[in-house]
Amino acid sequence: QVQLVESGGGVVQPGGSLRLSCAASGSIYSINDMAWYRQAPGKQRDLVAIITFGGFTNYADAVKGRFAITRDNAKNTVHLQMNSLKPEDSAVYYCNAEISAVETGEGYTRYLPRDDYWGQGTQVTVSS
């Protein structure tokens, strides 16, 4: 069983900052890319930022220069520092990770194919 648990959402005024965190736990063998997506009411889920195992990053144009994604490979965590927040940043933010899980039993260890895992989502509201 693999779980992603997010934290750090909330309500903030325009121009403010929030830091989201996501921790992966369970029977993890390796984690490849980690990312943050967001979904506003009535809209599709869009990629916000992505970071590779080696630390290469990419951002949606709407957040470049304001958001920063980081990860700690030793702790299986990913963070999203959000600065200069705007009302249009309001959405449910989801953590995503490509994870290879491991299954162990009596006398065997099995490495499962890489799969996409999602957190439960955390609400970010930017409002005065």
Protein backbone atom coordinates (compact mmCIF):
# COMPACT_ATOMS: atom_id res chain seq x y z
CA GLN A 1 0.00 0.00 0.00
CA VAL A 2 1.30 3.41 -1.01
CA GLN A 3 -0.16 6.68 0.24
CA LEU A 4 0.37 10.33 -0.57
CA VAL A 5 -0.73 12.76 2.13
CA GLU A 6 -0.86 16.50 1.51
CA SER A 7 -0.85 19.34 4.01
CA GLY A 8 -0.55 23.10 4.08
CA GLY A 9 -3.62 24.37 2.28
CA GLY A 10 -5.76 27.18 3.61
CA VAL A 11 -7.10 30.68 3.07
CA VAL A 12 -4.74 33.53 2.25
CA GLN A 13 -5.09 37.11 1.03
CA PRO A 14 -3.93 38.11 -2.46
CA GLY A 15 -0.19 38.64 -2.46
CA GLY A 16 0.30 36.19 0.38
CA SER A 17 2.19 32.91 0.53
CA LEU A 18 1.48 29.27 1.32
CA ARG A 19 3.65 26.17 1.43
CA LEU A 20 2.16 22.82 0.49
CA SER A 21 3.77 19.55 1.50
CA CYS A 22 3.20 15.97 0.40
CA ALA A 23 4.63 12.85 2.00
CA ALA A 24 4.71 9.46 0.32
CA SER A 25 4.64 6.40 2.55
CA GLY A 26 4.18 2.66 2.36
CA SER A 27 5.93 -0.08 0.45
CA ILE A 28 7.97 2.17 -1.81
CA TYR A 29 10.90 0.94 -3.86
CA SER A 30 11.56 4.10 -5.86
CA ILE A 31 9.95 7.41 -6.80
CA ASN A 32 10.46 8.98 -10.20
CA ASP A 33 8.76 12.30 -11.01
CA MET A 34 6.77 14.16 -8.36
CA ALA A 35 4.31 16.89 -9.23
CA TRP A 36 1.56 19.22 -8.12
CA TYR A 37 -1.69 19.61 -10.03
CA ARG A 38 -4.67 21.83 -9.32
CA GLN A 39 -8.34 21.79 -10.16
CA ALA A 40 -10.73 24.70 -9.85
CA PRO A 41 -14.51 24.17 -9.77
CA GLY A 42 -15.84 23.31 -13.22
CA LYS A 43 -12.37 23.07 -14.74
CA GLN A 44 -9.99 20.25 -15.61
CA ARG A 45 -7.07 19.21 -13.46
CA ASP A 46 -3.95 20.97 -14.69
CA LEU A 47 -0.26 20.48 -14.04
CA VAL A 48 1.23 23.23 -11.85
CA ALA A 49 4.83 22.05 -11.37
CA ILE A 50 6.88 18.89 -11.76
CA ILE A 51 10.28 17.80 -10.44
CA THR A 52 12.38 14.82 -11.48
CA PHE A 53 14.36 12.60 -9.13
CA GLY A 54 17.46 14.55 -10.12
CA GLY A 55 15.86 17.89 -9.33
CA PHE A 56 14.95 19.21 -12.78
CA THR A 57 11.80 21.31 -12.63
CA ASN A 58 9.14 22.62 -14.97
CA TYR A 59 6.25 24.99 -14.28
CA ALA A 60 2.98 26.05 -15.82
CA ASP A 61 3.30 29.49 -17.39
CA ALA A 62 0.71 30.89 -14.97
CA VAL A 63 2.91 30.21 -11.93
CA LYS A 64 6.46 30.73 -13.25
CA GLY A 65 8.42 33.08 -11.03
CA ARG A 66 5.91 32.78 -8.18
CA PHE A 67 5.90 29.07 -7.26
CA ALA A 68 8.81 26.78 -6.45
CA ILE A 69 8.72 22.98 -6.26
CA THR A 70 11.31 21.09 -4.21
CA ARG A 71 11.71 17.53 -2.99
CA ASP A 72 13.61 15.56 -0.38
CA ASN A 73 14.41 12.14 -1.81
CA ALA A 74 15.53 10.77 1.55
CA LYS A 75 12.16 11.61 3.12
CA ASN A 76 9.96 10.91 0.05
CA THR A 77 8.47 14.38 0.27
CA VAL A 78 7.67 17.13 -2.21
CA HIS A 79 6.84 20.75 -1.43
CA LEU A 80 5.29 23.65 -3.29
CA GLN A 81 6.18 27.16 -2.11
CA MET A 82 3.55 29.54 -3.45
CA ASN A 83 4.26 33.27 -3.34
CA SER A 84 2.43 36.34 -4.66
CA LEU A 85 -0.79 34.36 -4.68
CA LYS A 86 -3.68 35.54 -6.84
CA PRO A 87 -7.41 34.77 -6.62
CA GLU A 88 -7.07 32.70 -9.79
CA ASP A 89 -4.70 30.36 -7.92
CA SER A 90 -7.66 29.18 -5.82
CA ALA A 91 -8.21 25.46 -6.39
CA VAL A 92 -7.83 22.03 -4.89
CA TYR A 93 -4.15 21.12 -5.15
CA TYR A 94 -3.19 17.47 -5.67
CA CYS A 95 0.14 15.79 -5.15
CA ASN A 96 1.16 13.21 -7.77
CA ALA A 97 4.06 10.78 -7.88
CA GLU A 98 5.30 8.00 -10.16
CA ILE A 99 6.12 5.21 -7.73
CA SER A 100 7.46 1.70 -8.03
CA ALA A 101 6.13 -0.22 -5.08
CA VAL A 102 7.54 -3.40 -3.59
CA GLU A 103 5.61 -6.40 -2.36
CA THR A 104 7.19 -8.78 0.12
CA GLY A 105 6.04 -12.10 1.40
CA GLU A 106 7.41 -15.26 2.86
CA GLY A 107 10.52 -15.96 0.84
CA TYR A 108 9.91 -13.48 -1.95
CA THR A 109 10.20 -9.82 -2.92
CA ARG A 110 8.36 -8.52 -5.96
CA TYR A 111 8.91 -5.12 -7.53
CA LEU A 112 5.71 -3.78 -9.05
CA PRO A 113 5.55 -1.73 -12.27
CA ARG A 114 5.75 2.03 -11.90
CA ASP A 115 2.32 3.59 -11.35
CA ASP A 116 0.73 6.98 -10.77
CA TYR A 117 -0.37 7.80 -7.23
CA TRP A 118 -2.46 10.76 -6.08
CA GLY A 119 -3.04 12.50 -2.79
CA GLN A 120 -6.48 13.38 -1.51
CA GLY A 121 -6.16 17.06 -2.35
CA THR A 122 -5.85 20.21 -0.26
CA GLN A 123 -7.90 23.37 -0.74
CA VAL A 124 -6.16 26.67 -1.43
CA THR A 125 -8.33 29.78 -1.38
CA VAL A 126 -6.95 33.22 -2.23
CA SER A 127 -9.43 35.89 -1.22
CA SER A 128 -9.58 39.27 0.45
